């Protein structure tokens, strides 16, 4: 019986493990812009961990200032997307386990 309880605790701990590093799923940005965008996304998600809307707003406004206007951003969990974007301007990543972030530029 004690072994079953220990196995249950181990399984529960494994299920709740989340990666705390940024995991880039897709990107066609050049390395410099991708690195800067990824760091910005991590900063925004850590700063606004309880409010995805504010994190997305911070990412969008900062990207607009640094790389010109018309950047878009979605931060959240459990969504799908189909977008058209300007070439060399897409970043799709995960942070903190299930939080997905997509950043792209419209023409």
N, C-alpha and C. Protein backbone atom coordinates (compact mmCIF):
# COMPACT_ATOMS: atom_id res chain seq x y z
N UNK A 1 0.82 -1.19 0.00
CA UNK A 1 0.00 0.00 0.00
C UNK A 1 0.86 1.26 0.00
N UNK A 2 1.95 1.26 0.78
CA UNK A 2 2.83 2.42 0.84
C UNK A 2 3.49 2.66 -0.52
N UNK A 3 3.79 1.58 -1.22
CA UNK A 3 4.40 1.70 -2.55
C UNK A 3 3.44 2.35 -3.52
N UNK A 4 2.16 1.98 -3.46
CA UNK A 4 1.16 2.59 -4.33
C UNK A 4 1.03 4.08 -4.08
N UNK A 5 1.08 4.51 -2.84
CA UNK A 5 0.99 5.93 -2.50
C UNK A 5 2.21 6.68 -3.03
N UNK A 6 3.39 6.09 -2.90
CA UNK A 6 4.60 6.72 -3.41
C UNK A 6 4.57 6.84 -4.93
N UNK A 7 4.07 5.79 -5.59
CA UNK A 7 3.95 5.83 -7.05
C UNK A 7 2.96 6.91 -7.49
N UNK A 8 1.89 7.07 -6.75
CA UNK A 8 0.89 8.10 -7.06
C UNK A 8 1.47 9.49 -6.92
N UNK A 9 2.28 9.72 -5.87
CA UNK A 9 2.91 11.03 -5.68
C UNK A 9 3.91 11.32 -6.79
N UNK A 10 4.69 10.31 -7.18
CA UNK A 10 5.68 10.49 -8.24
C UNK A 10 4.98 10.82 -9.55
N UNK A 11 3.90 10.11 -9.85
CA UNK A 11 3.16 10.36 -11.09
C UNK A 11 2.56 11.76 -11.08
N UNK A 12 2.03 12.20 -9.95
CA UNK A 12 1.45 13.54 -9.86
C UNK A 12 2.51 14.60 -10.05
N UNK A 13 3.70 14.42 -9.49
CA UNK A 13 4.78 15.38 -9.66
C UNK A 13 5.20 15.47 -11.11
N UNK A 14 5.26 14.34 -11.81
CA UNK A 14 5.65 14.33 -13.21
C UNK A 14 4.62 15.04 -14.08
N UNK A 15 3.34 14.90 -13.75
CA UNK A 15 2.28 15.54 -14.51
C UNK A 15 2.31 17.05 -14.35
N UNK A 16 2.74 17.54 -13.19
CA UNK A 16 2.73 18.98 -12.96
C UNK A 16 4.03 19.66 -13.39
N UNK A 17 5.01 18.91 -13.87
CA UNK A 17 6.24 19.53 -14.36
C UNK A 17 5.95 20.34 -15.60
N UNK A 18 6.49 21.53 -15.63
CA UNK A 18 6.34 22.38 -16.79
C UNK A 18 7.71 22.94 -17.14
N UNK A 19 7.95 23.11 -18.42
CA UNK A 19 9.23 23.70 -18.78
C UNK A 19 9.17 25.19 -18.50
N UNK A 20 10.24 25.73 -17.98
CA UNK A 20 10.28 27.14 -17.63
C UNK A 20 11.14 27.93 -18.61
N UNK A 21 11.59 27.28 -19.64
CA UNK A 21 12.39 27.95 -20.65
C UNK A 21 11.52 28.17 -21.89
N UNK A 22 11.84 29.14 -22.71
CA UNK A 22 11.05 29.36 -23.92
C UNK A 22 11.30 28.24 -24.93
N UNK A 23 10.22 27.74 -25.50
CA UNK A 23 10.29 26.67 -26.48
C UNK A 23 9.75 27.20 -27.80
N UNK A 24 10.63 27.45 -28.75
CA UNK A 24 10.21 28.00 -30.04
C UNK A 24 9.69 26.87 -30.91
N UNK A 25 8.46 26.99 -31.33
CA UNK A 25 7.82 25.98 -32.16
C UNK A 25 8.08 26.26 -33.64
N UNK A 26 7.88 27.51 -34.06
CA UNK A 26 8.09 27.90 -35.45
C UNK A 26 8.56 29.35 -35.49
N UNK A 27 9.50 29.62 -36.37
CA UNK A 27 9.94 30.99 -36.57
C UNK A 27 10.62 31.11 -37.93
N UNK A 28 10.33 32.21 -38.62
CA UNK A 28 11.05 32.50 -39.85
C UNK A 28 11.78 33.83 -39.75
N UNK A 29 11.90 34.37 -38.53
CA UNK A 29 12.62 35.62 -38.29
C UNK A 29 14.12 35.37 -38.38
N UNK A 30 14.87 36.44 -38.66
CA UNK A 30 16.32 36.28 -38.60
C UNK A 30 16.71 36.15 -37.12
N UNK A 31 17.90 35.65 -36.86
CA UNK A 31 18.32 35.30 -35.51
C UNK A 31 18.28 36.48 -34.53
N UNK A 32 18.70 37.64 -34.97
CA UNK A 32 18.75 38.81 -34.10
C UNK A 32 17.36 39.21 -33.63
N UNK A 33 16.43 39.31 -34.57
CA UNK A 33 15.05 39.71 -34.24
C UNK A 33 14.38 38.61 -33.43
N UNK A 34 14.62 37.35 -33.78
CA UNK A 34 14.01 36.23 -33.06
C UNK A 34 14.45 36.21 -31.60
N UNK A 35 15.74 36.41 -31.36
CA UNK A 35 16.25 36.42 -29.99
C UNK A 35 15.65 37.56 -29.18
N UNK A 36 15.59 38.74 -29.78
CA UNK A 36 15.03 39.90 -29.08
C UNK A 36 13.54 39.70 -28.81
N UNK A 37 12.81 39.18 -29.77
CA UNK A 37 11.38 38.93 -29.61
C UNK A 37 11.12 37.87 -28.54
N UNK A 38 11.91 36.81 -28.56
CA UNK A 38 11.76 35.74 -27.57
C UNK A 38 12.01 36.28 -26.16
N UNK A 39 13.05 37.07 -25.98
CA UNK A 39 13.34 37.65 -24.67
C UNK A 39 12.22 38.59 -24.22
N UNK A 40 11.68 39.35 -25.15
CA UNK A 40 10.56 40.24 -24.84
C UNK A 40 9.34 39.44 -24.40
N UNK A 41 9.05 38.35 -25.10
CA UNK A 41 7.90 37.51 -24.74
C UNK A 41 8.06 36.92 -23.35
N UNK A 42 9.25 36.44 -23.02
CA UNK A 42 9.51 35.88 -21.70
C UNK A 42 9.32 36.95 -20.62
N UNK A 43 9.88 38.14 -20.85
CA UNK A 43 9.75 39.23 -19.90
C UNK A 43 8.28 39.60 -19.68
N UNK A 44 7.53 39.72 -20.77
CA UNK A 44 6.11 40.10 -20.67
C UNK A 44 5.31 39.03 -19.94
N UNK A 45 5.56 37.77 -20.24
CA UNK A 45 4.81 36.69 -19.59
C UNK A 45 5.15 36.57 -18.11
N UNK A 46 6.40 36.85 -17.75
CA UNK A 46 6.75 36.83 -16.34
C UNK A 46 6.17 38.04 -15.61
N UNK A 47 6.18 39.20 -16.24
CA UNK A 47 5.66 40.42 -15.62
C UNK A 47 4.15 40.35 -15.45
N UNK A 48 3.45 39.85 -16.46
CA UNK A 48 1.98 39.76 -16.42
C UNK A 48 1.54 38.31 -16.41
N UNK A 49 2.01 37.54 -15.45
CA UNK A 49 1.73 36.11 -15.42
C UNK A 49 0.24 35.79 -15.24
N UNK A 50 -0.51 36.71 -14.67
CA UNK A 50 -1.94 36.48 -14.45
C UNK A 50 -2.83 37.21 -15.46
N UNK A 51 -2.23 37.94 -16.40
CA UNK A 51 -3.03 38.71 -17.35
C UNK A 51 -2.41 38.63 -18.74
N UNK A 52 -2.90 37.70 -19.54
CA UNK A 52 -2.37 37.50 -20.89
C UNK A 52 -2.60 38.69 -21.80
N UNK A 53 -3.69 39.40 -21.60
CA UNK A 53 -4.00 40.56 -22.44
C UNK A 53 -2.94 41.65 -22.28
N UNK A 54 -2.55 41.91 -21.05
CA UNK A 54 -1.51 42.92 -20.82
C UNK A 54 -0.15 42.47 -21.35
N UNK A 55 0.14 41.18 -21.26
CA UNK A 55 1.40 40.66 -21.80
C UNK A 55 1.42 40.85 -23.32
N UNK A 56 0.31 40.52 -23.99
CA UNK A 56 0.23 40.68 -25.45
C UNK A 56 0.36 42.15 -25.83
N UNK A 57 -0.27 43.03 -25.06
CA UNK A 57 -0.19 44.47 -25.35
C UNK A 57 1.25 44.96 -25.22
N UNK A 58 1.95 44.52 -24.19
CA UNK A 58 3.33 44.94 -23.99
C UNK A 58 4.22 44.46 -25.15
N UNK A 59 4.04 43.21 -25.57
CA UNK A 59 4.83 42.66 -26.68
C UNK A 59 4.57 43.44 -27.95
N UNK A 60 3.29 43.66 -28.27
CA UNK A 60 2.92 44.37 -29.50
C UNK A 60 3.48 45.79 -29.53
N UNK A 61 3.29 46.52 -28.44
CA UNK A 61 3.74 47.91 -28.41
C UNK A 61 5.27 48.02 -28.49
N UNK A 62 5.97 47.11 -27.83
CA UNK A 62 7.43 47.14 -27.88
C UNK A 62 7.94 46.78 -29.28
N UNK A 63 7.34 45.78 -29.91
CA UNK A 63 7.75 45.39 -31.26
C UNK A 63 7.45 46.52 -32.25
N UNK A 64 6.32 47.21 -32.08
CA UNK A 64 6.01 48.36 -32.94
C UNK A 64 7.07 49.45 -32.82
N UNK A 65 7.53 49.71 -31.60
CA UNK A 65 8.54 50.75 -31.39
C UNK A 65 9.89 50.36 -31.97
N UNK A 66 10.28 49.11 -31.79
CA UNK A 66 11.62 48.67 -32.20
C UNK A 66 11.73 48.35 -33.69
N UNK A 67 10.67 47.75 -34.25
CA UNK A 67 10.76 47.23 -35.62
C UNK A 67 9.70 47.78 -36.56
N UNK A 68 9.08 48.88 -36.21
CA UNK A 68 8.07 49.48 -37.07
C UNK A 68 6.68 48.95 -36.76
N UNK A 69 5.65 49.63 -37.26
CA UNK A 69 4.27 49.30 -36.90
C UNK A 69 3.74 48.03 -37.56
N UNK A 70 2.56 47.71 -37.18
CA UNK A 70 1.67 46.62 -37.63
C UNK A 70 2.04 45.24 -37.10
N UNK A 71 2.68 45.15 -35.93
CA UNK A 71 2.91 43.86 -35.29
C UNK A 71 1.64 43.45 -34.55
N UNK A 72 1.40 42.16 -34.50
CA UNK A 72 0.25 41.59 -33.80
C UNK A 72 0.76 40.52 -32.85
N UNK A 73 0.01 40.27 -31.76
CA UNK A 73 0.44 39.29 -30.78
C UNK A 73 -0.76 38.65 -30.10
N UNK A 74 -0.68 37.35 -29.88
CA UNK A 74 -1.69 36.62 -29.13
C UNK A 74 -0.96 35.82 -28.06
N UNK A 75 -1.43 35.93 -26.82
CA UNK A 75 -0.88 35.17 -25.70
C UNK A 75 -2.05 34.44 -25.05
N UNK A 76 -1.93 33.13 -24.88
CA UNK A 76 -3.01 32.39 -24.24
C UNK A 76 -2.79 30.90 -24.25
N UNK A 77 -3.83 30.17 -23.89
CA UNK A 77 -3.79 28.72 -23.84
C UNK A 77 -4.96 28.16 -24.64
N UNK A 78 -4.73 27.06 -25.32
CA UNK A 78 -5.80 26.32 -25.98
C UNK A 78 -6.45 27.04 -27.13
N UNK A 79 -5.69 27.59 -28.04
CA UNK A 79 -6.28 28.23 -29.21
C UNK A 79 -5.59 27.72 -30.46
N UNK A 80 -6.28 27.85 -31.57
CA UNK A 80 -5.71 27.53 -32.87
C UNK A 80 -5.67 28.79 -33.70
N UNK A 81 -4.90 28.77 -34.77
CA UNK A 81 -4.81 29.97 -35.58
C UNK A 81 -4.45 29.62 -37.01
N UNK A 82 -4.84 30.50 -37.89
CA UNK A 82 -4.44 30.47 -39.29
C UNK A 82 -4.28 31.91 -39.70
N UNK A 83 -3.07 32.31 -40.02
CA UNK A 83 -2.81 33.72 -40.33
C UNK A 83 -2.00 33.84 -41.60
N UNK A 84 -2.08 35.00 -42.19
CA UNK A 84 -1.17 35.38 -43.26
C UNK A 84 -0.28 36.45 -42.67
N UNK A 85 1.02 36.34 -42.94
CA UNK A 85 1.96 37.27 -42.33
C UNK A 85 3.01 37.69 -43.34
N UNK A 86 3.68 38.76 -43.01
CA UNK A 86 4.79 39.24 -43.82
C UNK A 86 5.95 38.26 -43.66
N UNK A 87 6.66 37.98 -44.74
CA UNK A 87 7.78 37.04 -44.71
C UNK A 87 8.83 37.52 -43.71
N UNK A 88 9.45 36.58 -43.02
CA UNK A 88 10.50 36.84 -42.03
C UNK A 88 9.98 37.61 -40.81
N UNK A 89 8.73 37.34 -40.41
CA UNK A 89 8.19 38.09 -39.27
C UNK A 89 7.26 37.26 -38.39
N UNK A 90 7.46 35.96 -38.31
CA UNK A 90 6.58 35.10 -37.52
C UNK A 90 7.38 34.41 -36.42
N UNK A 91 6.82 34.41 -35.21
CA UNK A 91 7.39 33.66 -34.09
C UNK A 91 6.24 33.02 -33.35
N UNK A 92 6.32 31.69 -33.18
CA UNK A 92 5.32 30.93 -32.43
C UNK A 92 6.08 30.14 -31.39
N UNK A 93 5.78 30.39 -30.11
CA UNK A 93 6.54 29.76 -29.05
C UNK A 93 5.65 29.42 -27.86
N UNK A 94 6.18 28.59 -26.97
CA UNK A 94 5.53 28.25 -25.71
C UNK A 94 6.41 28.72 -24.58
N UNK A 95 5.77 29.10 -23.47
CA UNK A 95 6.50 29.50 -22.28
C UNK A 95 5.72 29.09 -21.05
N UNK A 96 6.40 28.57 -20.08
CA UNK A 96 5.75 28.20 -18.82
C UNK A 96 4.81 27.03 -18.94
N UNK A 97 5.06 26.14 -19.87
CA UNK A 97 4.25 24.94 -20.02
C UNK A 97 3.21 25.06 -21.10
N UNK A 98 2.08 25.68 -20.80
CA UNK A 98 0.97 25.68 -21.75
C UNK A 98 0.65 27.05 -22.34
N UNK A 99 1.37 28.07 -21.97
CA UNK A 99 1.12 29.40 -22.52
C UNK A 99 1.77 29.52 -23.89
N UNK A 100 0.94 29.75 -24.90
CA UNK A 100 1.43 29.89 -26.27
C UNK A 100 1.45 31.37 -26.63
N UNK A 101 2.47 31.74 -27.40
CA UNK A 101 2.62 33.13 -27.83
C UNK A 101 2.90 33.12 -29.32
N UNK A 102 2.13 33.90 -30.05
CA UNK A 102 2.40 34.07 -31.48
C UNK A 102 2.54 35.56 -31.76
N UNK A 103 3.61 35.90 -32.45
CA UNK A 103 3.90 37.28 -32.82
C UNK A 103 4.13 37.30 -34.33
N UNK A 104 3.47 38.21 -35.03
CA UNK A 104 3.65 38.31 -36.46
C UNK A 104 3.43 39.75 -36.90
N UNK A 105 3.92 40.04 -38.11
CA UNK A 105 3.76 41.38 -38.67
C UNK A 105 2.86 41.30 -39.88
N UNK A 106 1.89 42.21 -39.92
CA UNK A 106 1.00 42.32 -41.08
C UNK A 106 1.59 43.32 -42.06
N UNK A 107 1.35 43.09 -43.34
CA UNK A 107 1.87 44.00 -44.36
C UNK A 107 0.98 45.21 -44.49
